Amino acid sequence: MTNAGGTILVVDDEIGIRRILRVCLTSAGFVVHESASGREALRSVSEIQPDLILLDLRLPDMDGSKVVTRVRESNQCPILILSIRDQESDKVTALDAGADDYLTKPFGNRELLARIRALLRRRRGEALAAGLKCGPFTIDAAHHAAQVAGNPFASPAPNTHCSNRSCSARAMLPHIVNSYVRCGTGCTTNMLYTCST
C-alpha cells in the first residue's frame, strides 16, 4: 500500500470498528496503523508520526481526552474523535484538550472521509505556509525568500507565472532548483527571491 493519502492511526478498543475503518481508509488510499489502548496509541504516535489520528474516547486504560492532551505535548497532527458519547460536555472537553474535530458514532464513511480530507488539507496548507525544506533548499513563502545550503538565493529571472499574486513554496521550488542547477554551487547571492508584481 502506498502512502498517497497519508498515514492514519486508528485508536479504538473494539477490533470490529478498527477492521471497518481499516477497509474504508485503505480503499481511500491511506496507510492505516491500529492501537487498542491509550498507552499503545502514545507509543505508536512517537514511532510512526501519523498524519492524522482517529481516536475513540472510551479506551480500556485511559480516557481519550487524556490521550489527546499527551499527544499534544509533542505532536500537532490532526486528531478526529470518533465516539458514541454525544453529550455536548464530552465534545467540548475533547476539543478543549486539543482535538480538531468530533464525529459521533454511528457515522457514514463518506462523511468520515470528507472530514479527514478537510483536516489534512488544512494541515498541509499550514505546513506550506510555514515554508518548505527539501535537501539544501529552504523556501520561506511568506517572505518570498529562498536559501540554498543556508545562503540567500535569488532566481536570475523573475518568476513570471506568479505576477500579481503571491507565490506558494510549491510554486517557487522548481524555479529555484532549476536556477541552482544552471548556476552550480556558486549560485549564492545576497538577493532574495521575489515574485514580480
Protein backbone atom coordinates (compact mmCIF):
# COMPACT_ATOMS: atom_id res chain seq x y z
CA MET A 1 0.00 0.00 0.00
CA THR A 2 1.37 3.39 -0.93
CA ASN A 3 1.20 6.42 1.32
CA ALA A 4 -0.60 8.60 -1.26
CA GLY A 5 -3.35 9.65 1.12
CA GLY A 6 -1.26 9.76 4.27
CA THR A 7 -0.80 7.66 7.39
CA ILE A 8 -3.66 7.36 9.85
CA LEU A 9 -3.52 5.91 13.34
CA VAL A 10 -6.85 4.35 14.39
CA VAL A 11 -7.25 4.14 18.17
CA ASP A 12 -10.23 2.08 19.31
CA ASP A 13 -10.51 -0.86 21.69
CA GLU A 14 -13.14 -2.58 19.53
CA ILE A 15 -11.50 -4.78 16.90
CA GLY A 16 -14.64 -4.73 14.73
CA ILE A 17 -14.56 -0.93 14.50
CA ARG A 18 -10.85 -0.97 13.67
CA ARG A 19 -11.44 -3.52 10.88
CA ILE A 20 -14.25 -1.45 9.34
CA LEU A 21 -12.13 1.70 9.49
CA ARG A 22 -9.12 -0.12 8.02
CA VAL A 23 -11.16 -1.25 4.98
CA CYS A 24 -12.66 2.21 4.49
CA LEU A 25 -9.36 4.05 4.86
CA THR A 26 -7.13 1.71 2.85
CA SER A 27 -9.61 1.73 -0.02
CA ALA A 28 -9.32 5.54 0.04
CA GLY A 29 -5.51 5.32 -0.28
CA PHE A 30 -4.43 5.72 3.36
CA VAL A 31 -1.89 3.65 5.24
CA VAL A 32 -3.51 2.51 8.49
CA HIS A 33 -1.93 1.65 11.83
CA GLU A 34 -4.03 0.46 14.77
CA SER A 35 -3.88 0.79 18.54
CA ALA A 36 -6.31 -0.75 21.05
CA SER A 37 -5.37 1.36 24.11
CA GLY A 38 -4.22 4.80 25.08
CA ARG A 39 -0.71 3.71 26.06
CA GLU A 40 -0.30 1.77 22.82
CA ALA A 41 -1.52 4.82 20.89
CA LEU A 42 1.02 7.11 22.56
CA ARG A 43 3.85 4.71 21.65
CA SER A 44 2.55 4.48 18.07
CA VAL A 45 2.34 8.25 17.68
CA SER A 46 6.02 8.66 18.55
CA GLU A 47 7.07 5.71 16.37
CA ILE A 48 5.07 6.27 13.18
CA GLN A 49 4.39 10.04 13.29
CA PRO A 50 0.91 9.72 11.72
CA ASP A 51 -0.60 12.39 9.50
CA LEU A 52 -3.90 12.07 11.40
CA ILE A 53 -5.31 10.21 14.41
CA LEU A 54 -8.82 8.75 14.66
CA LEU A 55 -9.46 8.37 18.39
CA ASP A 56 -12.23 6.81 20.45
CA LEU A 57 -12.78 8.41 23.85
CA ARG A 58 -13.62 5.19 25.67
CA LEU A 59 -10.40 3.23 25.98
CA PRO A 60 -9.58 0.47 28.50
CA ASP A 61 -6.63 2.19 30.16
CA MET A 62 -7.33 5.94 29.93
CA ASP A 63 -9.89 8.40 28.64
CA GLY A 64 -9.35 9.54 25.07
CA SER A 65 -9.22 13.20 26.16
CA LYS A 66 -6.12 12.35 28.21
CA VAL A 67 -4.59 10.75 25.12
CA VAL A 68 -5.26 13.98 23.21
CA THR A 69 -3.54 16.04 25.92
CA ARG A 70 -0.50 13.73 25.94
CA VAL A 71 -0.24 13.68 22.13
CA ARG A 72 -0.33 17.48 22.04
CA GLU A 73 2.79 17.63 24.21
CA SER A 74 4.87 16.51 21.23
CA ASN A 75 2.73 16.27 18.09
CA GLN A 76 0.36 18.61 16.28
CA CYS A 77 -1.15 16.19 13.76
CA PRO A 78 -4.94 16.46 13.39
CA ILE A 79 -7.00 14.39 15.84
CA LEU A 80 -10.54 13.40 14.91
CA ILE A 81 -12.57 11.97 17.78
CA LEU A 82 -14.90 9.09 16.89
CA SER A 83 -17.14 8.43 19.88
CA ILE A 84 -20.54 7.13 20.91
CA ARG A 85 -20.61 9.91 23.51
CA ASP A 86 -22.94 12.55 22.12
CA GLN A 87 -23.18 14.96 25.05
CA GLU A 88 -22.04 18.50 24.40
CA SER A 89 -19.82 18.38 27.51
CA ASP A 90 -17.87 15.38 26.10
CA LYS A 91 -17.36 17.17 22.79
CA VAL A 92 -16.22 20.39 24.47
CA THR A 93 -13.81 18.51 26.76
CA ALA A 94 -12.19 16.67 23.82
CA LEU A 95 -11.96 19.79 21.65
CA ASP A 96 -10.57 21.88 24.51
CA ALA A 97 -7.97 19.14 25.17
CA GLY A 98 -6.70 19.66 21.61
CA ALA A 99 -8.82 17.51 19.31
CA ASP A 100 -9.51 19.08 15.91
CA ASP A 101 -12.91 17.57 15.16
CA TYR A 102 -15.53 15.29 16.71
CA LEU A 103 -17.77 12.76 14.96
CA THR A 104 -20.44 10.84 16.86
CA LYS A 105 -20.88 7.10 16.20
CA PRO A 106 -22.57 5.81 14.15
CA PHE A 107 -21.36 7.80 11.15
CA GLY A 108 -21.20 7.33 7.40
CA ASN A 109 -17.95 6.52 5.63
CA ARG A 110 -18.38 9.39 3.18
CA GLU A 111 -18.70 11.94 5.98
CA LEU A 112 -15.71 10.43 7.78
CA LEU A 113 -13.55 10.61 4.64
CA ALA A 114 -14.69 14.17 3.92
CA ARG A 115 -13.71 15.27 7.44
CA ILE A 116 -10.34 13.52 7.12
CA ARG A 117 -9.65 15.21 3.78
CA ALA A 118 -10.61 18.61 5.25
CA LEU A 119 -8.30 18.16 8.25
CA LEU A 120 -5.41 17.02 6.06
CA ARG A 121 -5.92 19.91 3.62
CA ARG A 122 -5.80 22.38 6.48
CA ARG A 123 -2.69 20.73 7.95
CA ARG A 124 -0.88 20.65 4.59
CA GLY A 125 -1.83 24.27 3.93
CA GLU A 126 -0.37 25.31 7.29
CA ALA A 127 2.82 23.40 6.53
CA LEU A 128 3.21 25.05 3.11
CA ALA A 129 2.52 28.49 4.55
CA ALA A 130 5.25 27.89 7.11
CA GLY A 131 7.74 27.09 4.35
CA LEU A 132 9.30 24.16 2.60
CA LYS A 133 12.60 22.38 3.11
CA CYS A 134 13.94 19.95 0.53
CA GLY A 135 17.56 18.89 0.77
CA PRO A 136 19.71 22.05 0.70
CA PHE A 137 16.75 24.21 -0.38
CA THR A 138 14.67 26.19 2.12
CA ILE A 139 11.76 28.34 0.98
CA ASP A 140 10.03 30.93 3.13
CA ALA A 141 6.87 31.53 1.10
CA ALA A 142 5.53 34.17 3.48
CA HIS A 143 8.58 36.36 2.85
CA HIS A 144 9.19 35.19 -0.73
CA ALA A 145 12.71 34.20 0.22
CA ALA A 146 14.83 31.15 -0.51
CA GLN A 147 18.09 29.73 0.70
CA VAL A 148 20.44 27.12 -0.66
CA ALA A 149 22.60 25.45 2.00
CA GLY A 150 21.77 28.33 4.37
CA ASN A 151 22.78 31.08 1.94
CA PRO A 152 20.27 33.57 0.48
CA PHE A 153 19.45 32.78 -3.12
CA ALA A 154 17.78 34.64 -5.98
CA SER A 155 16.44 33.30 -9.22
CA PRO A 156 18.26 35.01 -12.12
CA ALA A 157 14.92 35.91 -13.71
CA PRO A 158 11.65 36.85 -12.00
CA ASN A 159 9.06 34.16 -11.76
CA THR A 160 6.65 35.47 -14.38
CA HIS A 161 3.87 32.96 -13.74
CA CYS A 162 3.46 34.42 -10.24
CA SER A 163 2.94 38.03 -11.30
CA ASN A 164 0.25 39.95 -9.42
CA ARG A 165 -0.19 37.28 -6.75
CA SER A 166 1.73 35.55 -4.00
CA CYS A 167 3.88 32.56 -4.81
CA SER A 168 3.46 29.42 -2.79
CA ALA A 169 6.50 27.49 -1.65
CA ARG A 170 5.48 24.70 -4.01
CA ALA A 171 5.38 27.13 -6.97
CA MET A 172 8.75 28.64 -6.10
CA LEU A 173 10.74 25.41 -5.67
CA PRO A 174 11.08 24.34 -9.35
CA HIS A 175 12.39 27.78 -10.37
CA ILE A 176 14.91 27.84 -7.55
CA VAL A 177 16.07 24.29 -8.23
CA ASN A 178 16.37 24.94 -12.00
CA SER A 179 18.31 28.16 -11.42
CA TYR A 180 20.56 26.49 -8.87
CA VAL A 181 21.30 23.61 -11.21
CA ARG A 182 22.07 26.02 -14.10
CA CYS A 183 24.41 28.11 -11.96
CA GLY A 184 26.01 25.32 -9.98
CA THR A 185 27.12 25.59 -6.38
CA GLY A 186 28.39 29.16 -6.80
CA CYS A 187 24.81 30.45 -7.03
CA THR A 188 24.62 32.10 -3.63
CA THR A 189 23.91 35.80 -3.57
CA ASN A 190 22.64 38.37 -1.11
CA MET A 191 19.47 38.84 -3.20
CA LEU A 192 16.16 37.34 -2.15
CA TYR A 193 13.85 35.50 -4.50
CA THR A 194 10.77 37.62 -5.12
CA CYS A 195 7.85 37.37 -7.47
CA SER A 196 7.26 40.16 -9.92
CA THR A 197 4.27 42.32 -9.05
